[in-house]
Protein backbone atom coordinates (compact mmCIF):
# COMPACT_ATOMS: atom_id res chain seq x y z
CA UNK A 1 -3.91 -15.36 21.28
CA UNK A 2 -3.26 -17.88 17.95
CA UNK A 3 0.31 -18.62 16.49
CA UNK A 4 0.80 -16.36 13.40
CA UNK A 5 3.97 -17.54 11.33
CA UNK A 6 6.81 -15.22 11.35
CA UNK A 7 6.45 -12.67 8.68
CA UNK A 8 3.21 -13.26 7.13
CA UNK A 9 2.49 -9.44 6.68
CA UNK A 10 2.85 -6.10 8.40
CA UNK A 11 -0.76 -6.07 9.07
CA UNK A 12 -0.15 -9.01 12.13
CA UNK A 13 1.91 -6.29 14.07
CA UNK A 14 -0.11 -4.12 16.74
CA UNK A 15 -0.27 -0.67 16.91
CA UNK A 16 2.62 1.69 18.10
CA UNK A 17 2.71 3.20 21.61
CA UNK A 18 2.38 6.61 20.34
CA UNK A 19 -1.18 5.79 18.33
CA UNK A 20 -2.25 3.90 21.42
CA UNK A 21 -1.46 7.10 23.85
CA UNK A 22 -3.22 9.66 21.32
CA UNK A 23 -6.43 7.64 21.14
CA UNK A 24 -6.70 7.40 24.67
CA UNK A 25 -5.88 11.60 24.90
CA UNK A 26 -8.63 12.02 22.93
CA UNK A 27 -11.46 9.57 24.29
CA UNK A 28 -12.50 11.66 27.75
CA UNK A 29 -15.35 14.31 26.97
CA UNK A 30 -17.26 15.05 24.09
CA UNK A 31 -16.37 16.22 20.72
CA UNK A 32 -17.79 17.33 17.25
CA UNK A 33 -18.79 14.68 15.05
CA UNK A 34 -18.52 13.41 11.69
CA UNK A 35 -15.26 15.07 10.86
CA UNK A 36 -16.23 18.35 12.31
CA UNK A 37 -13.80 17.76 15.27
CA UNK A 38 -10.88 20.11 15.83
CA UNK A 39 -8.55 17.21 14.99
CA UNK A 40 -9.93 16.46 11.64
CA UNK A 41 -9.22 19.79 11.00
CA UNK A 42 -5.58 19.48 12.17
CA UNK A 43 -4.99 16.31 10.32
CA UNK A 44 -5.69 18.35 6.98
CA UNK A 45 -3.08 21.05 8.05
CA UNK A 46 -0.61 18.36 9.03
CA UNK A 47 -0.84 16.28 5.88
CA UNK A 48 -0.45 19.62 3.76
CA UNK A 49 2.82 20.40 5.66
CA UNK A 50 4.03 16.58 4.73
CA UNK A 51 3.19 17.09 1.22
CA UNK A 52 4.17 20.49 0.96
CA UNK A 53 1.07 21.30 -1.05
CA UNK A 54 -2.75 22.35 0.17
CA UNK A 55 -4.35 18.86 0.34
CA UNK A 56 -7.27 17.19 1.61
CA UNK A 57 -7.40 14.26 3.91
CA UNK A 58 -10.09 11.66 4.50
CA UNK A 59 -9.56 9.28 7.29
CA UNK A 60 -10.61 5.55 6.34
CA UNK A 61 -11.10 2.17 8.41
CA UNK A 62 -9.16 0.28 5.85
CA UNK A 63 -6.82 -0.13 3.11
CA UNK A 64 -9.39 -1.81 0.80
CA UNK A 65 -11.67 1.29 1.40
CA UNK A 66 -8.80 3.76 0.63
CA UNK A 67 -8.61 2.18 -3.05
CA UNK A 68 -11.88 1.68 -3.74
CA UNK A 69 -12.99 5.25 -2.64
CA UNK A 70 -10.06 7.13 -4.47
CA UNK A 71 -10.55 4.91 -7.42
CA UNK A 72 -14.21 5.73 -7.72
CA UNK A 73 -13.51 9.44 -7.21
CA UNK A 74 -11.27 9.10 -10.39
CA UNK A 75 -13.20 6.88 -12.46
CA UNK A 76 -16.68 6.95 -14.07
CA UNK A 77 -19.46 4.36 -15.11
CA UNK A 78 -18.48 2.10 -18.12
CA UNK A 79 -14.67 3.33 -17.94
CA UNK A 80 -11.04 1.38 -17.74
CA UNK A 81 -8.82 1.65 -15.01
CA UNK A 82 -5.45 0.26 -15.57
CA UNK A 83 -3.42 -1.46 -13.34
CA UNK A 84 -0.63 -3.93 -13.26
CA UNK A 85 -1.62 -7.49 -13.73
CA UNK A 86 -0.88 -8.10 -10.05
CA UNK A 87 -2.24 -5.07 -8.51
CA UNK A 88 -3.88 -5.49 -4.81
CA UNK A 89 -6.94 -3.99 -6.29
CA UNK A 90 -7.67 -6.40 -8.86
CA UNK A 91 -6.14 -9.70 -7.21
CA UNK A 92 -7.07 -9.01 -3.54
CA UNK A 93 -9.60 -6.71 -2.83
CA UNK A 94 -12.87 -8.99 -4.17
CA UNK A 95 -13.86 -6.50 -6.37
CA UNK A 96 -14.13 -3.48 -4.16
CA UNK A 97 -13.74 -0.88 -6.72
CA UNK A 98 -16.47 -2.21 -8.91
CA UNK A 99 -18.60 -2.48 -5.78
CA UNK A 100 -17.83 1.30 -5.32
CA UNK A 101 -18.13 2.18 -9.29
CA UNK A 102 -20.39 0.14 -10.85
CA UNK A 103 -19.73 -0.18 -14.53
CA UNK A 104 -16.06 0.22 -13.74
CA UNK A 105 -13.74 -2.44 -15.47
CA UNK A 106 -9.77 -2.88 -14.32
CA UNK A 107 -7.42 -3.45 -17.16
CA UNK A 108 -4.92 -5.38 -16.16
CA UNK A 109 -1.22 -4.98 -17.68
CA UNK A 110 2.08 -6.61 -17.71
CA UNK A 111 5.34 -5.51 -16.50
CA UNK A 112 8.21 -7.14 -14.63
CA UNK A 113 8.89 -6.66 -10.81
CA UNK A 114 5.49 -5.48 -10.46
CA UNK A 115 5.71 -2.30 -11.89
CA UNK A 116 3.82 -1.33 -15.37
CA UNK A 117 5.92 -1.18 -18.59
CA UNK A 118 5.49 2.19 -19.83
CA UNK A 119 5.17 0.95 -23.41
CA UNK A 120 2.58 -1.29 -22.65
CA UNK A 121 0.91 1.56 -21.01
CA UNK A 122 1.65 3.56 -24.11
CA UNK A 123 0.32 0.71 -26.47
CA UNK A 124 -3.27 0.49 -24.11
CA UNK A 125 -3.39 4.41 -24.20
CA UNK A 126 -3.36 4.19 -28.21
CA UNK A 127 -6.05 1.39 -28.26
CA UNK A 128 -8.22 2.94 -25.72
CA UNK A 129 -8.08 6.10 -27.54
CA UNK A 130 -8.83 4.56 -31.20
CA UNK A 131 -10.65 0.87 -31.27
CA UNK A 132 -12.75 1.07 -28.51
CA UNK A 133 -15.59 2.94 -27.08
CA UNK A 134 -14.60 2.14 -23.53
CA UNK A 135 -13.30 5.40 -22.08
CA UNK A 136 -9.78 5.33 -20.02
CA UNK A 137 -10.64 7.20 -16.98
CA UNK A 138 -7.71 6.36 -14.78
CA UNK A 139 -4.22 4.86 -13.88
CA UNK A 140 -3.42 2.85 -10.27
CA UNK A 141 -0.08 2.51 -9.56
CA UNK A 142 1.22 0.47 -6.53
CA UNK A 143 4.07 1.79 -3.85
CA UNK A 144 5.49 -0.44 -2.85
CA UNK A 145 4.06 -2.68 -5.69
CA UNK A 146 3.10 -6.19 -4.80
CA UNK A 147 6.52 -7.77 -5.87
CA UNK A 148 8.25 -5.39 -3.23
CA UNK A 149 9.91 -3.10 -5.93
CA UNK A 150 9.57 0.69 -6.00
CA UNK A 151 8.22 2.85 -8.85
CA UNK A 152 11.54 5.44 -9.14
CA UNK A 153 10.50 9.21 -9.57
CA UNK A 154 11.06 9.20 -12.93
CA UNK A 155 8.66 6.00 -14.15
CA UNK A 156 5.94 7.34 -11.83
CA UNK A 157 6.03 10.76 -13.42
CA UNK A 158 6.27 9.19 -16.90
CA UNK A 159 3.75 6.90 -16.38
CA UNK A 160 1.54 9.88 -14.97
CA UNK A 161 2.46 11.75 -17.98
CA UNK A 162 1.23 9.33 -20.37
CA UNK A 163 -2.45 9.29 -18.47
CA UNK A 164 -2.64 12.95 -17.96
CA UNK A 165 -2.22 13.27 -21.78
CA UNK A 166 -5.32 11.08 -22.19
CA UNK A 167 -7.10 12.75 -19.88
CA UNK A 168 -6.77 9.86 -17.09
CA UNK A 169 -6.23 10.89 -13.27
CA UNK A 170 -3.50 8.66 -11.55
CA UNK A 171 -4.25 6.72 -8.37
CA UNK A 172 -1.47 5.63 -6.22
CA UNK A 173 -2.12 2.85 -3.88
CA UNK A 174 0.16 3.74 -1.13
CA UNK A 175 -0.26 1.07 1.42
CA UNK A 176 3.49 0.91 2.01
CA UNK A 177 4.18 4.59 0.56
CA UNK A 178 6.30 5.40 3.76
CA UNK A 179 8.34 2.77 2.54
CA UNK A 180 8.95 3.56 -0.63
CA UNK A 181 9.59 7.68 0.43
CA UNK A 182 12.30 6.29 3.21
CA UNK A 183 13.88 3.84 0.78
CA UNK A 184 14.06 6.47 -2.14
CA UNK A 185 14.87 9.39 0.55
CA UNK A 186 12.46 11.34 -1.32
CA UNK A 187 10.27 13.98 -0.14
CA UNK A 188 6.59 12.92 -0.49
CA UNK A 189 5.77 15.55 -2.49
CA UNK A 190 8.34 14.37 -4.94
CA UNK A 191 6.76 10.76 -5.06
CA UNK A 192 3.28 12.02 -4.76
CA UNK A 193 1.60 14.98 -7.07
CA UNK A 194 4.98 16.31 -8.23
CA UNK A 195 5.42 13.11 -9.87
CA UNK A 196 1.87 13.48 -11.14
CA UNK A 197 -0.21 11.36 -8.83
CA UNK A 198 -3.97 13.12 -8.12
CA UNK A 199 -4.89 10.98 -5.42
CA UNK A 200 -3.05 8.94 -2.60
CA UNK A 201 -4.19 5.89 -0.63
CA UNK A 202 -2.31 6.32 2.30
CA UNK A 203 -1.54 3.53 4.18
CA UNK A 204 -1.10 3.64 8.01
CA UNK A 205 -2.10 0.58 9.40
CA UNK A 206 0.48 -1.23 8.17
CA UNK A 207 2.93 1.39 9.76
CA UNK A 208 1.62 1.46 13.48
CA UNK A 209 -1.75 2.49 13.41
CA UNK A 210 -4.84 0.60 15.06
CA UNK A 211 -7.58 1.02 12.06
CA UNK A 212 -7.07 3.98 10.18
CA UNK A 213 -5.81 4.50 6.33
CA UNK A 214 -6.73 7.65 4.81
CA UNK A 215 -7.34 9.01 0.71
CA UNK A 216 -5.36 12.12 0.25
CA UNK A 217 -6.19 14.45 -2.60
CA UNK A 218 -4.44 17.02 -3.93
CA UNK A 219 -7.00 19.17 -6.14
CA UNK A 220 -10.02 20.90 -4.65
CA UNK A 221 -12.40 19.81 -7.28
CA UNK A 222 -11.58 16.00 -6.72
CA UNK A 223 -11.56 16.57 -2.86
CA UNK A 224 -15.44 17.86 -3.27
CA UNK A 225 -15.80 14.42 -5.22
CA UNK A 226 -14.30 12.14 -2.59
CA UNK A 227 -16.21 14.17 0.23
CA UNK A 228 -19.14 13.37 -1.64
CA UNK A 229 -18.49 9.68 -1.31
CA UNK A 230 -17.67 9.31 2.26
CA UNK A 231 -20.89 8.85 3.42
CA UNK A 232 -22.44 6.71 0.55
CA UNK A 233 -19.42 4.18 1.31
CA UNK A 234 -19.80 4.11 4.78
CA UNK A 235 -16.55 5.84 5.25
CA UNK A 236 -17.56 9.05 7.23
CA UNK A 237 -17.14 7.70 10.91
CA UNK A 238 -19.23 9.71 13.47
CA UNK A 239 -16.09 9.56 15.85
CA UNK A 240 -13.75 10.60 13.26
CA UNK A 241 -11.48 12.10 16.25
CA UNK A 242 -10.52 8.53 16.72
CA UNK A 243 -8.98 8.22 13.12
CA UNK A 244 -7.56 11.73 12.87
CA UNK A 245 -5.88 11.05 16.31
CA UNK A 246 -3.94 7.77 15.14
CA UNK A 247 -3.07 9.47 12.00
CA UNK A 248 -1.73 12.58 13.92
CA UNK A 249 0.50 10.68 15.98
CA UNK A 250 2.04 8.57 13.08
CA UNK A 251 2.88 12.42 11.74
CA UNK A 252 3.93 13.89 14.48
CA UNK A 253 7.72 14.17 14.57
CA UNK A 254 7.87 11.86 11.19
CA UNK A 255 6.90 8.71 13.44
CA UNK A 256 5.68 7.35 10.08
CA UNK A 257 9.14 7.58 8.61
CA UNK A 258 11.26 6.12 11.56
CA UNK A 259 8.84 3.21 11.81
CA UNK A 260 9.00 2.59 7.87
CA UNK A 261 12.76 2.98 8.33
CA UNK A 262 12.82 0.19 10.69
CA UNK A 263 10.71 -2.13 8.65
CA UNK A 264 13.18 -1.48 5.70
CA UNK A 265 16.49 -2.28 7.89
CA UNK A 266 15.01 -5.34 9.35
CA UNK A 267 13.90 -6.32 5.82
CA UNK A 268 17.79 -6.28 4.65
CA UNK A 269 18.89 -8.10 7.84
CA UNK A 270 16.20 -10.76 6.75
CA UNK A 271 17.60 -10.75 3.14
CA UNK A 272 21.47 -11.17 4.67
CA UNK A 273 20.20 -14.00 6.86
CA UNK A 274 18.01 -15.88 3.78
CA UNK A 275 21.39 -15.58 1.47
CA UNK A 276 22.82 -17.88 3.69
CA UNK A 277 20.41 -20.91 2.96
CA UNK A 278 20.12 -23.25 -0.09
CA UNK A 279 16.67 -23.70 -1.64
CA UNK A 280 15.76 -20.03 -0.82
CA UNK A 281 15.84 -17.81 -3.93
CA UNK A 282 14.75 -14.00 -3.47
CA UNK A 283 12.79 -13.12 -6.62
CA UNK A 284 13.15 -9.30 -7.15
CA UNK A 285 15.70 -6.40 -5.60
CA UNK A 286 13.96 -5.83 -1.91
CA UNK A 287 13.31 -2.03 -2.02
CA UNK A 288 11.11 -1.63 0.95
CA UNK A 289 10.01 -4.19 3.72
CA UNK A 290 8.65 -6.83 1.52
CA UNK A 291 10.42 -9.73 0.15
CA UNK A 292 9.09 -12.06 -2.57
CA UNK A 293 10.61 -15.83 -3.19
CA UNK A 294 10.62 -19.40 -4.14
CA UNK A 295 11.25 -22.07 -1.63
CA UNK A 296 12.44 -25.54 -2.52
CA UNK A 297 9.60 -27.69 -2.57
CA UNK A 298 10.77 -30.05 0.53
CA UNK A 299 11.66 -26.94 2.64
CA UNK A 300 8.44 -25.42 1.90
CA UNK A 301 6.73 -28.67 3.23
CA UNK A 302 8.86 -28.71 6.33
CA UNK A 303 7.96 -25.06 6.93
CA UNK A 304 4.15 -25.96 6.68
CA UNK A 305 4.30 -28.74 8.80
CA UNK A 306 5.97 -26.67 11.80
CA UNK A 307 2.94 -24.58 10.90
CA UNK A 308 5.54 -21.60 10.01
CA UNK A 309 5.04 -21.50 6.10
CA UNK A 310 5.27 -17.92 4.63
CA UNK A 311 2.20 -16.71 2.66
CA UNK A 312 2.07 -17.96 -0.58
CA UNK A 313 1.48 -14.87 -2.84
CA UNK A 314 0.79 -16.47 -6.64
CA UNK A 315 3.01 -18.53 -8.75
CA UNK A 316 6.06 -17.56 -11.12
CA UNK A 317 5.52 -18.19 -14.88
CA UNK A 318 6.17 -21.90 -14.61
CA UNK A 319 3.49 -22.08 -11.66
CA UNK A 320 5.52 -22.64 -8.68
CA UNK A 321 4.32 -21.21 -5.52
CA UNK A 322 5.94 -17.77 -4.63
CA UNK A 323 5.86 -16.86 -0.95
CA UNK A 324 5.98 -13.38 1.02
CA UNK A 325 8.02 -12.38 3.77
CA UNK A 326 7.43 -8.48 5.08
CA UNK A 327 8.64 -6.82 8.01
CA UNK A 328 7.11 -4.28 10.29
CA UNK A 329 7.71 -1.38 12.57
CA UNK A 330 7.70 -3.86 15.08
CA UNK A 331 10.00 -6.64 13.80
CA UNK A 332 12.89 -7.60 16.41
CA UNK A 333 16.22 -8.74 14.93
CA UNK A 334 15.60 -11.89 17.58
CA UNK A 335 12.39 -12.43 15.44
CA UNK A 336 14.68 -12.84 12.17
CA UNK A 337 17.32 -15.06 14.17
CA UNK A 338 14.45 -17.78 15.08
CA UNK A 339 13.49 -17.53 11.77
CA UNK A 340 16.86 -18.63 10.50
CA UNK A 341 16.76 -21.34 13.12
CA UNK A 342 13.42 -22.60 11.85
CA UNK A 343 15.14 -22.68 7.98
CA UNK A 344 17.73 -24.31 9.76
CA UNK A 345 15.96 -27.07 11.62
CA UNK A 346 13.25 -27.50 8.03
CA UNK A 347 16.36 -27.99 5.79
CA UNK A 348 16.91 -31.16 6.30
CA UNK A 349 18.59 -32.79 3.10
CA UNK A 350 17.43 -30.00 0.61
């Protein structure tokens, strides 16, 4: 297996033992196909318990599929979907939203630290309602943001309220939703439907599943719309029980929150170690498990020479590279100390 630079992503971790055990447990014997199995039904009930609300859960294979499917369910041909200018659906998913929803355009909005500014959304809402023939159909928020920060409950509710007043639905890209729930010490319901979220991409692969994420819907009519798109988008798996089993294992005993808590704690430990190094500048508060930073050029170059450079995640306003470090449920303290040793070895005269 090829070596991967430390903290490149939380996608590089394996599946947690409980998930692997669940897959093995449901493997023997026949089962109803295409989501008609008992586990898929149980998953809807389990998610409804987690969110304290009747909801519908649609397992999918990737976070990109979850986002594209969810946004397609709340948008229509020749409409705009507002998102942050660094949103994953805009920058990193190769037009998946438009592929699932032909004619839909993504409207990037600015905002510091990865969060859409409320005044920018208001300005956009006014212009979309007055001076353009294109309809605004949806707002997409990322939680955590691409900067590793969090929308507070009040910020989420305020942005969602603006969208709803304009007749737009609200999607949340929750690839690291669990990390936000833990960091805010909030109920999942508070961070989703109670704050005005209509449809949620529920991230799980980064948090311990092998290949299972989900779309969680809080409205029956919207659930029917989402259901109708599963087959068309290639996400209606014949052996859906394997995806349902993974997600159920993650929900059992709040494992999804325990995993996220560990990842967040490791990020704080990593932040503490980085604070001792010159040439390392953390750009934003570390709200979850995701650090965005600048590295002095000699330090970045030496790390690259050692095949240990972090993932480059865009540039700052001056065009200087920004780097990302991400911890996971599987991160160990020893890995952090090894990375600190790499920084020490790479620092040289920097």
